[in-house]
């Protein structure tokens, strides 16, 4: 009797597992046909130096342009708690690193005016350039590298992530107050500007070892620019995102069109344009990350 029950239980367990096994086998077969699995030739020496941002709590200004009763207001504060541990490049991508992608004909070369030295951050790069580099680096290393989201770079930068609020009363209906505050701030920014890219480490590190953030290189994120209209209770009434325009972060935040390489030519909705455009990447170590990247690259998922 006991043997019969054991046999029945084994058959029942097998019956429950069979659909899952078949589905996994089918999915693996499709993935193999699409080239989504396998072990490509990789060069681990190309992997950049990274740091790991530990789990912590950090408050920062939300991304986007915020309005209340039709008047521009400072973005509200939000708190990030569960983004760590986050693996991110210690330094911005350098000219030497970017040149390897150019030499492989996978990235567009930098303009002559943007070449300053191998140990300097690669500048004069667009969002599109940064995405191409991330794809190339992922293919070469067999790992997944992506541009950080706005909240991820804020989380990693921590105390180096500057508060760009103007401090104007959000209930004021006098637009001149905000205009004057903005004019004063932009005048100071222009006077303090030093646009020449510096060697790695020139601007120091934050408490987690992230180097050179908020120096004179603004960094691309994968976060689309948005406009948010607030209600009386500071809750969003509506939020409209504009992909094709992405948030860049540095000494302040600036929305830039994806194709812009020289921020002085336009693309910044308000305020002084960034001195330089560069980027650093985050490492996605989820087990499914490589497959998701390839599916996106083929346009199968967004």
Protein backbone atom coordinates (compact mmCIF):
# COMPACT_ATOMS: atom_id res chain seq x y z
CA UNK A 1 0.00 0.00 0.00
CA UNK A 2 2.82 2.41 0.91
CA UNK A 3 4.61 1.56 -2.33
CA UNK A 4 1.42 2.26 -4.27
CA UNK A 5 1.00 5.69 -2.60
CA UNK A 6 4.63 6.60 -3.28
CA UNK A 7 4.20 5.65 -6.92
CA UNK A 8 0.97 7.68 -7.18
CA UNK A 9 2.64 10.71 -5.58
CA UNK A 10 5.58 10.48 -7.98
CA UNK A 11 3.23 10.34 -10.98
CA UNK A 12 1.23 13.31 -9.67
CA UNK A 13 4.39 15.38 -9.12
CA UNK A 14 5.62 14.52 -12.60
CA UNK A 15 2.24 15.52 -14.05
CA UNK A 16 2.45 18.89 -12.32
CA UNK A 17 6.00 19.53 -13.47
CA UNK A 18 5.58 18.35 -17.06
CA UNK A 19 3.88 21.51 -18.43
CA UNK A 20 6.58 23.69 -16.87
CA UNK A 21 9.37 21.53 -18.29
CA UNK A 22 7.77 21.59 -21.75
CA UNK A 23 7.27 25.37 -21.59
CA UNK A 24 10.88 25.94 -20.54
CA UNK A 25 12.12 23.66 -23.29
CA UNK A 26 9.99 25.48 -25.86
CA UNK A 27 11.19 28.88 -24.63
CA UNK A 28 14.81 27.73 -24.74
CA UNK A 29 14.36 26.49 -28.29
CA UNK A 30 12.87 29.80 -29.44
CA UNK A 31 15.62 31.72 -27.64
CA UNK A 32 18.26 29.58 -29.33
CA UNK A 33 16.74 30.23 -32.76
CA UNK A 34 16.79 33.97 -32.08
CA UNK A 35 20.36 33.85 -30.85
CA UNK A 36 19.36 34.89 -27.36
CA UNK A 37 21.30 32.17 -25.58
CA UNK A 38 24.76 30.79 -26.00
CA UNK A 39 28.25 31.72 -24.95
CA UNK A 40 29.73 34.41 -27.21
CA UNK A 41 33.41 35.23 -27.42
CA UNK A 42 33.99 37.86 -24.75
CA UNK A 43 36.86 40.04 -23.61
CA UNK A 44 36.64 40.57 -19.87
CA UNK A 45 39.56 43.02 -19.99
CA UNK A 46 37.20 45.60 -21.49
CA UNK A 47 34.99 45.60 -18.39
CA UNK A 48 35.28 49.03 -16.71
CA UNK A 49 36.15 49.71 -13.08
CA UNK A 50 33.00 49.70 -10.99
CA UNK A 51 31.84 50.40 -7.47
CA UNK A 52 28.87 48.99 -5.61
CA UNK A 53 26.48 51.44 -4.03
CA UNK A 54 25.09 49.82 -0.88
CA UNK A 55 21.45 49.88 0.11
CA UNK A 56 20.63 53.22 1.74
CA UNK A 57 17.94 55.87 1.92
CA UNK A 58 18.35 59.10 -0.01
CA UNK A 59 16.02 62.03 -0.78
CA UNK A 60 16.33 64.12 -3.93
CA UNK A 61 14.28 66.32 -6.25
CA UNK A 62 12.10 64.47 -8.72
CA UNK A 63 12.97 64.75 -12.39
CA UNK A 64 10.89 66.80 -14.81
CA UNK A 65 9.25 70.20 -15.11
CA UNK A 66 6.56 70.78 -12.50
CA UNK A 67 3.70 73.27 -12.71
CA UNK A 68 1.00 74.36 -10.31
CA UNK A 69 -1.94 76.48 -11.51
CA UNK A 70 0.00 77.11 -14.71
CA UNK A 71 3.13 78.43 -12.94
CA UNK A 72 6.49 76.64 -12.86
CA UNK A 73 7.39 75.38 -9.37
CA UNK A 74 10.26 73.43 -7.83
CA UNK A 75 10.01 69.66 -8.17
CA UNK A 76 8.94 67.83 -5.00
CA UNK A 77 11.35 65.77 -2.94
CA UNK A 78 11.18 62.00 -3.31
CA UNK A 79 12.97 59.25 -1.41
CA UNK A 80 14.82 56.27 -2.85
CA UNK A 81 15.27 53.27 -0.56
CA UNK A 82 15.50 50.00 -2.42
CA UNK A 83 17.73 50.61 -5.45
CA UNK A 84 20.86 49.08 -3.95
CA UNK A 85 23.10 47.32 -4.14
CA UNK A 86 23.76 49.13 -7.44
CA UNK A 87 26.85 48.40 -9.55
CA UNK A 88 27.95 51.47 -11.51
CA UNK A 89 31.08 52.69 -13.27
CA UNK A 90 33.38 54.53 -10.87
CA UNK A 91 34.38 56.99 -13.60
CA UNK A 92 32.71 58.38 -16.67
CA UNK A 93 33.57 56.59 -19.91
CA UNK A 94 36.97 57.88 -20.99
CA UNK A 95 38.16 58.90 -24.43
CA UNK A 96 40.40 55.81 -24.52
CA UNK A 97 37.49 53.49 -23.71
CA UNK A 98 35.21 55.17 -26.22
CA UNK A 99 37.92 55.00 -28.91
CA UNK A 100 37.86 51.19 -28.75
CA UNK A 101 34.23 51.23 -29.82
CA UNK A 102 35.07 53.70 -32.59
CA UNK A 103 37.91 51.47 -33.79
CA UNK A 104 35.43 48.58 -34.04
CA UNK A 105 33.19 50.82 -36.21
CA UNK A 106 30.40 50.50 -33.65
CA UNK A 107 30.48 54.12 -32.40
CA UNK A 108 30.67 57.47 -34.13
CA UNK A 109 34.03 59.23 -33.64
CA UNK A 110 34.32 62.30 -31.46
CA UNK A 111 34.66 65.69 -33.10
CA UNK A 112 38.23 67.01 -33.17
CA UNK A 113 37.27 69.81 -30.76
CA UNK A 114 36.16 67.20 -28.20
CA UNK A 115 39.46 65.28 -28.12
CA UNK A 116 41.42 66.22 -24.99
CA UNK A 117 43.31 63.09 -23.96
CA UNK A 118 42.88 59.38 -23.21
CA UNK A 119 42.46 59.99 -19.46
CA UNK A 120 39.72 62.57 -19.96
CA UNK A 121 36.01 61.72 -20.06
CA UNK A 122 34.57 61.21 -23.51
CA UNK A 123 32.57 64.37 -24.21
CA UNK A 124 30.62 65.61 -27.18
CA UNK A 125 28.58 62.40 -27.17
CA UNK A 126 24.84 62.20 -27.68
CA UNK A 127 22.34 59.91 -26.00
CA UNK A 128 22.34 57.83 -29.19
CA UNK A 129 26.14 57.56 -29.04
CA UNK A 130 25.99 56.44 -25.40
CA UNK A 131 23.41 53.75 -26.16
CA UNK A 132 25.54 52.38 -29.00
CA UNK A 133 28.55 52.23 -26.72
CA UNK A 134 26.55 50.41 -24.04
CA UNK A 135 25.41 47.81 -26.59
CA UNK A 136 28.97 47.35 -27.89
CA UNK A 137 30.40 46.97 -24.38
CA UNK A 138 27.68 44.46 -23.51
CA UNK A 139 28.48 42.38 -26.59
CA UNK A 140 32.23 42.51 -25.98
CA UNK A 141 32.10 41.61 -22.28
CA UNK A 142 29.13 39.24 -22.28
CA UNK A 143 27.58 41.39 -19.55
CA UNK A 144 24.74 43.91 -19.63
CA UNK A 145 25.59 47.61 -19.43
CA UNK A 146 22.98 50.34 -19.67
CA UNK A 147 22.58 54.04 -19.05
CA UNK A 148 21.36 54.70 -15.51
CA UNK A 149 17.86 55.93 -14.82
CA UNK A 150 17.59 59.34 -13.17
CA UNK A 151 16.77 57.79 -9.82
CA UNK A 152 19.75 55.42 -10.07
CA UNK A 153 22.31 58.17 -10.68
CA UNK A 154 20.77 60.24 -7.88
CA UNK A 155 21.02 57.20 -5.60
CA UNK A 156 24.66 56.63 -6.55
CA UNK A 157 25.66 60.31 -6.36
CA UNK A 158 24.00 60.79 -2.94
CA UNK A 159 25.38 63.99 -1.37
CA UNK A 160 26.95 65.00 -4.72
CA UNK A 161 23.50 65.17 -6.32
CA UNK A 162 22.85 68.90 -6.19
CA UNK A 163 19.48 70.38 -5.30
CA UNK A 164 18.58 72.70 -8.19
CA UNK A 165 15.44 74.15 -6.57
CA UNK A 166 15.00 77.93 -6.72
CA UNK A 167 13.21 78.14 -3.37
CA UNK A 168 10.39 80.35 -4.67
CA UNK A 169 7.05 80.11 -2.83
CA UNK A 170 5.04 77.54 -4.84
CA UNK A 171 1.82 79.42 -4.07
CA UNK A 172 3.13 82.70 -5.48
CA UNK A 173 1.32 83.93 -8.58
CA UNK A 174 4.04 86.44 -9.42
CA UNK A 175 6.13 84.90 -12.24
CA UNK A 176 8.68 87.71 -11.92
CA UNK A 177 9.93 86.23 -8.61
CA UNK A 178 10.87 82.96 -10.25
CA UNK A 179 12.31 84.71 -13.30
CA UNK A 180 14.57 86.89 -11.14
CA UNK A 181 15.70 83.92 -9.01
CA UNK A 182 16.43 81.89 -12.13
CA UNK A 183 18.34 84.79 -13.74
CA UNK A 184 20.49 85.24 -10.64
CA UNK A 185 21.31 81.54 -10.47
CA UNK A 186 22.17 81.26 -14.17
CA UNK A 187 24.42 84.32 -13.96
CA UNK A 188 26.40 82.67 -11.17
CA UNK A 189 26.64 79.42 -13.10
CA UNK A 190 28.06 81.11 -16.19
CA UNK A 191 30.61 83.05 -14.12
CA UNK A 192 31.82 79.86 -12.41
CA UNK A 193 31.90 77.76 -15.58
CA UNK A 194 35.14 75.98 -16.58
CA UNK A 195 34.29 73.85 -19.61
CA UNK A 196 37.64 72.10 -20.20
CA UNK A 197 37.34 68.36 -19.36
CA UNK A 198 39.70 67.30 -16.58
CA UNK A 199 41.66 64.06 -15.96
CA UNK A 200 39.90 61.29 -14.08
CA UNK A 201 39.62 61.94 -10.37
CA UNK A 202 40.00 65.72 -10.66
CA UNK A 203 36.63 66.40 -9.03
CA UNK A 204 37.04 63.85 -6.23
CA UNK A 205 34.75 61.09 -4.96
CA UNK A 206 31.61 60.85 -2.88
CA UNK A 207 31.27 58.69 0.21
CA UNK A 208 30.69 55.56 -1.91
CA UNK A 209 33.63 56.10 -4.25
CA UNK A 210 31.70 57.54 -7.23
CA UNK A 211 34.18 59.85 -8.94
CA UNK A 212 33.81 63.18 -10.73
CA UNK A 213 30.05 63.51 -10.49
CA UNK A 214 28.79 67.13 -10.79
CA UNK A 215 32.12 68.32 -12.14
CA UNK A 216 31.90 69.89 -15.59
CA UNK A 217 30.52 66.83 -17.41
CA UNK A 218 26.76 66.29 -17.45
CA UNK A 219 25.77 62.64 -17.73
CA UNK A 220 23.06 61.11 -19.88
CA UNK A 221 20.31 59.08 -18.23
CA UNK A 222 17.70 56.81 -19.79
CA UNK A 223 14.88 58.84 -18.19
CA UNK A 224 12.56 60.66 -20.57
CA UNK A 225 11.81 64.31 -19.90
CA UNK A 226 8.32 64.91 -18.50
CA UNK A 227 5.94 67.70 -17.54
CA UNK A 228 3.92 67.24 -14.36
CA UNK A 229 0.94 69.36 -13.31
CA UNK A 230 0.32 69.38 -9.57
CA UNK A 231 -2.91 69.64 -7.62
CA UNK A 232 -3.33 71.64 -4.40
CA UNK A 233 -2.13 68.70 -2.30
CA UNK A 234 1.07 68.44 -4.40
CA UNK A 235 -0.25 65.25 -5.97
CA UNK A 236 0.18 64.90 -9.75
CA UNK A 237 -2.90 65.79 -11.80
CA UNK A 238 -1.25 64.79 -15.06
CA UNK A 239 2.17 63.70 -16.25
CA UNK A 240 3.32 63.75 -19.87
CA UNK A 241 6.65 62.18 -20.85
CA UNK A 242 8.57 63.09 -23.98
CA UNK A 243 10.88 60.29 -25.05
CA UNK A 244 13.44 61.52 -27.52
CA UNK A 245 14.34 64.15 -24.93
CA UNK A 246 16.27 62.74 -21.99
CA UNK A 247 17.37 64.02 -18.59
CA UNK A 248 21.06 64.85 -18.19
CA UNK A 249 22.51 65.39 -14.71
CA UNK A 250 25.52 67.27 -13.39
CA UNK A 251 25.78 70.61 -11.61
CA UNK A 252 22.10 70.91 -12.47
CA UNK A 253 19.63 68.95 -14.61
CA UNK A 254 19.02 69.70 -18.26
CA UNK A 255 16.69 67.99 -20.73
CA UNK A 256 18.49 67.28 -24.00
CA UNK A 257 17.38 65.88 -27.36
CA UNK A 258 18.82 62.42 -27.97
CA UNK A 259 20.90 63.46 -30.98
CA UNK A 260 22.56 66.52 -29.39
CA UNK A 261 26.34 66.24 -28.91
CA UNK A 262 27.15 69.88 -28.28
CA UNK A 263 24.77 71.26 -25.61
CA UNK A 264 25.56 74.85 -26.61
CA UNK A 265 23.75 74.28 -29.92
CA UNK A 266 20.40 73.75 -28.20
CA UNK A 267 18.29 71.07 -26.57
CA UNK A 268 18.12 72.51 -23.07
CA UNK A 269 14.61 73.74 -22.29
CA UNK A 270 15.61 76.26 -19.61
CA UNK A 271 18.73 77.63 -17.96
CA UNK A 272 22.40 77.56 -18.86
CA UNK A 273 23.34 74.62 -21.10
CA UNK A 274 25.70 71.93 -19.77
CA UNK A 275 29.41 72.49 -20.34
CA UNK A 276 29.95 68.95 -21.70
CA UNK A 277 27.91 65.82 -22.34
CA UNK A 278 29.32 62.44 -21.28
CA UNK A 279 28.10 59.29 -19.57
CA UNK A 280 28.75 56.35 -17.29
CA UNK A 281 26.96 53.00 -17.23
CA UNK A 282 25.37 50.67 -14.71
CA UNK A 283 25.86 46.91 -14.69
CA UNK A 284 22.69 44.81 -14.76
CA UNK A 285 23.53 41.47 -13.15
CA UNK A 286 20.04 39.96 -13.16
CA UNK A 287 20.00 36.46 -14.63
CA UNK A 288 17.48 37.52 -17.28
CA UNK A 289 19.22 40.79 -18.19
CA UNK A 290 21.11 39.51 -21.23
CA UNK A 291 18.01 38.01 -22.82
CA UNK A 292 15.98 41.18 -22.18
CA UNK A 293 18.69 43.30 -23.77
CA UNK A 294 18.73 41.18 -26.91
CA UNK A 295 14.94 41.21 -27.15
CA UNK A 296 14.97 45.03 -26.94
CA UNK A 297 17.75 45.24 -29.50
CA UNK A 298 15.61 43.22 -31.92
CA UNK A 299 12.53 45.34 -31.21
CA UNK A 300 10.63 42.36 -29.77
CA UNK A 301 9.99 44.21 -26.51
CA UNK A 302 10.24 47.90 -25.60
